[in-house]
Amino acid sequence: MPLGEICTVKSLMSHGEYMEWAVGGDNVDLGLTGPDLNVFHVGDVLCDPERPIPVRSKFRAQILVFALPIPITKGFQVG
């Protein structure tokens, strides 16, 4: 999403080990095949084409932050 490109996941890895599945929030490396895989960018979302993720303009989040050297203020960039 939102490109509408169809691809196939051929492999799934985390920390150098192959996995059979992952859940939302997991940091994984995907082996993909498809028409043009150079169209994907950081922040793109992969989902089942038969059950696409609903698009939202707003969402509510609870963020847990551990000790930071500076306070988080409006406009603080997370990197």
N, C-alpha and C. Protein backbone atom coordinates (compact mmCIF):
# COMPACT_ATOMS: atom_id res chain seq x y z
N MET A 1 0.86 -1.15 0.00
CA MET A 1 0.00 0.00 0.00
C MET A 1 0.91 1.22 0.00
N PRO A 2 0.68 2.28 -0.60
CA PRO A 2 -0.49 2.59 -1.41
C PRO A 2 -0.26 2.38 -2.91
N LEU A 3 0.84 1.74 -3.29
CA LEU A 3 1.20 1.66 -4.71
C LEU A 3 0.33 0.71 -5.52
N GLY A 4 -0.23 -0.29 -4.89
CA GLY A 4 -1.06 -1.25 -5.60
C GLY A 4 -0.24 -2.28 -6.38
N GLU A 5 1.07 -2.35 -6.15
CA GLU A 5 1.92 -3.34 -6.81
C GLU A 5 1.70 -4.71 -6.16
N ILE A 6 1.69 -5.76 -6.97
CA ILE A 6 1.55 -7.12 -6.46
C ILE A 6 2.92 -7.79 -6.50
N CYS A 7 3.32 -8.39 -5.38
CA CYS A 7 4.59 -9.10 -5.32
C CYS A 7 4.38 -10.39 -4.51
N THR A 8 5.40 -11.23 -4.48
CA THR A 8 5.35 -12.48 -3.73
C THR A 8 6.51 -12.51 -2.75
N VAL A 9 6.23 -12.86 -1.50
CA VAL A 9 7.28 -13.00 -0.49
C VAL A 9 7.89 -14.39 -0.65
N LYS A 10 9.18 -14.43 -0.97
CA LYS A 10 9.89 -15.70 -1.16
C LYS A 10 10.64 -16.12 0.10
N SER A 11 11.10 -15.16 0.92
CA SER A 11 11.81 -15.49 2.15
C SER A 11 11.59 -14.40 3.19
N LEU A 12 11.77 -14.79 4.45
CA LEU A 12 11.57 -13.91 5.59
C LEU A 12 12.69 -14.17 6.57
N MET A 13 13.46 -13.13 6.91
CA MET A 13 14.59 -13.31 7.82
C MET A 13 14.57 -12.25 8.91
N SER A 14 15.08 -12.62 10.08
CA SER A 14 15.27 -11.69 11.18
C SER A 14 16.57 -12.05 11.87
N HIS A 15 17.45 -11.08 12.00
CA HIS A 15 18.76 -11.27 12.64
C HIS A 15 19.53 -12.43 12.01
N GLY A 16 19.45 -12.54 10.69
CA GLY A 16 20.21 -13.55 9.96
C GLY A 16 19.62 -14.95 9.98
N GLU A 17 18.45 -15.12 10.57
CA GLU A 17 17.82 -16.44 10.64
C GLU A 17 16.51 -16.42 9.86
N TYR A 18 16.26 -17.50 9.11
CA TYR A 18 15.00 -17.61 8.37
C TYR A 18 13.86 -17.83 9.34
N MET A 19 12.72 -17.23 9.01
CA MET A 19 11.52 -17.34 9.85
C MET A 19 10.37 -17.84 8.99
N GLU A 20 9.37 -18.41 9.63
CA GLU A 20 8.18 -18.84 8.92
C GLU A 20 7.08 -17.79 8.96
N TRP A 21 7.13 -16.88 9.96
CA TRP A 21 6.10 -15.87 10.10
C TRP A 21 6.64 -14.69 10.90
N ALA A 22 5.95 -13.58 10.84
CA ALA A 22 6.26 -12.38 11.61
C ALA A 22 4.95 -11.66 11.92
N VAL A 23 4.99 -10.80 12.91
CA VAL A 23 3.80 -10.02 13.28
C VAL A 23 4.11 -8.54 13.16
N GLY A 24 3.06 -7.72 13.19
CA GLY A 24 3.24 -6.28 13.11
C GLY A 24 4.23 -5.79 14.14
N GLY A 25 5.16 -4.96 13.72
CA GLY A 25 6.18 -4.42 14.62
C GLY A 25 7.50 -5.16 14.55
N ASP A 26 7.51 -6.38 13.99
CA ASP A 26 8.76 -7.11 13.84
C ASP A 26 9.62 -6.45 12.76
N ASN A 27 10.92 -6.41 12.99
CA ASN A 27 11.86 -5.88 12.01
C ASN A 27 12.41 -7.07 11.23
N VAL A 28 12.03 -7.20 9.98
CA VAL A 28 12.41 -8.36 9.17
C VAL A 28 12.96 -7.94 7.82
N ASP A 29 13.71 -8.83 7.20
CA ASP A 29 14.16 -8.67 5.83
C ASP A 29 13.32 -9.60 4.96
N LEU A 30 12.78 -9.05 3.88
CA LEU A 30 11.93 -9.83 2.99
C LEU A 30 12.66 -10.10 1.68
N GLY A 31 12.54 -11.32 1.17
CA GLY A 31 12.96 -11.64 -0.18
C GLY A 31 11.71 -11.61 -1.05
N LEU A 32 11.64 -10.65 -1.97
CA LEU A 32 10.44 -10.45 -2.77
C LEU A 32 10.69 -10.71 -4.24
N THR A 33 9.65 -11.15 -4.94
CA THR A 33 9.66 -11.20 -6.40
C THR A 33 8.42 -10.47 -6.88
N GLY A 34 8.51 -9.85 -8.01
CA GLY A 34 7.37 -9.12 -8.54
C GLY A 34 7.77 -8.28 -9.73
N PRO A 35 6.84 -7.48 -10.23
CA PRO A 35 7.09 -6.73 -11.46
C PRO A 35 8.24 -5.74 -11.36
N ASP A 36 8.20 -4.79 -10.44
CA ASP A 36 9.26 -3.80 -10.29
C ASP A 36 9.45 -3.53 -8.80
N LEU A 37 10.43 -4.19 -8.21
CA LEU A 37 10.61 -4.09 -6.77
C LEU A 37 11.34 -2.82 -6.36
N ASN A 38 11.79 -2.01 -7.31
CA ASN A 38 12.47 -0.76 -6.98
C ASN A 38 11.49 0.35 -6.63
N VAL A 39 10.20 0.07 -6.66
CA VAL A 39 9.21 1.10 -6.36
C VAL A 39 8.92 1.21 -4.87
N PHE A 40 9.38 0.25 -4.06
CA PHE A 40 9.12 0.27 -2.62
C PHE A 40 10.05 1.24 -1.91
N HIS A 41 9.51 1.92 -0.89
CA HIS A 41 10.26 2.90 -0.12
C HIS A 41 10.05 2.65 1.37
N VAL A 42 10.91 3.21 2.20
CA VAL A 42 10.73 3.14 3.64
C VAL A 42 9.37 3.72 3.99
N GLY A 43 8.62 3.01 4.81
CA GLY A 43 7.30 3.46 5.21
C GLY A 43 6.17 2.83 4.42
N ASP A 44 6.49 2.18 3.29
CA ASP A 44 5.46 1.46 2.55
C ASP A 44 4.98 0.26 3.37
N VAL A 45 3.77 -0.16 3.14
CA VAL A 45 3.18 -1.26 3.89
C VAL A 45 2.83 -2.39 2.93
N LEU A 46 3.22 -3.61 3.29
CA LEU A 46 2.84 -4.79 2.51
C LEU A 46 1.65 -5.44 3.19
N CYS A 47 0.68 -5.87 2.39
CA CYS A 47 -0.50 -6.52 2.94
C CYS A 47 -1.05 -7.50 1.92
N ASP A 48 -1.98 -8.32 2.36
CA ASP A 48 -2.65 -9.28 1.50
C ASP A 48 -3.53 -8.50 0.51
N PRO A 49 -3.36 -8.71 -0.80
CA PRO A 49 -4.17 -7.95 -1.77
C PRO A 49 -5.67 -8.24 -1.67
N GLU A 50 -6.02 -9.39 -1.10
CA GLU A 50 -7.45 -9.72 -0.94
C GLU A 50 -8.04 -9.09 0.31
N ARG A 51 -7.18 -8.66 1.25
CA ARG A 51 -7.62 -7.99 2.47
C ARG A 51 -6.72 -6.78 2.72
N PRO A 52 -6.85 -5.72 1.90
CA PRO A 52 -5.97 -4.56 2.05
C PRO A 52 -6.17 -3.84 3.38
N ILE A 53 -5.12 -3.22 3.84
CA ILE A 53 -5.17 -2.45 5.08
C ILE A 53 -5.97 -1.18 4.82
N PRO A 54 -6.94 -0.86 5.69
CA PRO A 54 -7.72 0.37 5.49
C PRO A 54 -6.81 1.60 5.61
N VAL A 55 -7.02 2.58 4.75
CA VAL A 55 -6.24 3.81 4.77
C VAL A 55 -6.87 4.77 5.77
N ARG A 56 -6.04 5.41 6.58
CA ARG A 56 -6.51 6.35 7.60
C ARG A 56 -5.73 7.65 7.47
N SER A 57 -6.37 8.75 7.83
CA SER A 57 -5.66 10.03 7.87
C SER A 57 -5.24 10.39 9.29
N LYS A 58 -5.82 9.72 10.30
CA LYS A 58 -5.48 9.94 11.71
C LYS A 58 -5.44 8.60 12.42
N PHE A 59 -4.63 8.53 13.46
CA PHE A 59 -4.63 7.35 14.33
C PHE A 59 -4.15 7.77 15.70
N ARG A 60 -4.48 6.98 16.70
CA ARG A 60 -4.06 7.25 18.06
C ARG A 60 -2.98 6.23 18.42
N ALA A 61 -1.92 6.72 19.05
CA ALA A 61 -0.81 5.85 19.40
C ALA A 61 -0.39 6.10 20.84
N GLN A 62 0.07 5.05 21.49
CA GLN A 62 0.68 5.17 22.81
C GLN A 62 2.16 4.86 22.61
N ILE A 63 3.02 5.79 22.98
CA ILE A 63 4.45 5.65 22.73
C ILE A 63 5.16 5.49 24.07
N LEU A 64 5.96 4.44 24.17
CA LEU A 64 6.76 4.19 25.36
C LEU A 64 8.19 4.62 25.05
N VAL A 65 8.71 5.55 25.84
CA VAL A 65 10.04 6.10 25.60
C VAL A 65 10.91 5.82 26.81
N PHE A 66 12.09 5.33 26.56
CA PHE A 66 13.06 5.10 27.64
C PHE A 66 13.96 6.32 27.73
N ALA A 67 14.85 6.36 28.66
CA ALA A 67 15.70 7.52 28.95
C ALA A 67 16.30 8.14 27.69
N LEU A 68 15.92 9.38 27.42
CA LEU A 68 16.47 10.14 26.31
C LEU A 68 17.30 11.30 26.85
N PRO A 69 18.35 11.68 26.14
CA PRO A 69 19.18 12.79 26.63
C PRO A 69 18.50 14.16 26.50
N ILE A 70 17.46 14.27 25.64
CA ILE A 70 16.75 15.53 25.48
C ILE A 70 15.25 15.25 25.53
N PRO A 71 14.45 16.24 25.92
CA PRO A 71 13.00 16.01 25.99
C PRO A 71 12.37 15.95 24.60
N ILE A 72 11.28 15.22 24.52
CA ILE A 72 10.51 15.16 23.28
C ILE A 72 9.55 16.34 23.27
N THR A 73 9.60 17.14 22.22
CA THR A 73 8.72 18.30 22.10
C THR A 73 8.02 18.24 20.73
N LYS A 74 7.05 19.12 20.52
CA LYS A 74 6.34 19.17 19.24
C LYS A 74 7.35 19.37 18.11
N GLY A 75 7.26 18.53 17.07
CA GLY A 75 8.17 18.63 15.95
C GLY A 75 9.43 17.78 16.10
N PHE A 76 9.58 17.10 17.24
CA PHE A 76 10.75 16.25 17.48
C PHE A 76 10.79 15.15 16.43
N GLN A 77 11.90 15.00 15.72
CA GLN A 77 12.01 13.99 14.68
C GLN A 77 12.52 12.69 15.27
N VAL A 78 11.82 11.62 14.94
CA VAL A 78 12.21 10.29 15.39
C VAL A 78 13.03 9.66 14.29
N GLY A 79 14.17 9.15 14.59
CA GLY A 79 15.01 8.58 13.54
C GLY A 79 15.59 7.35 14.00
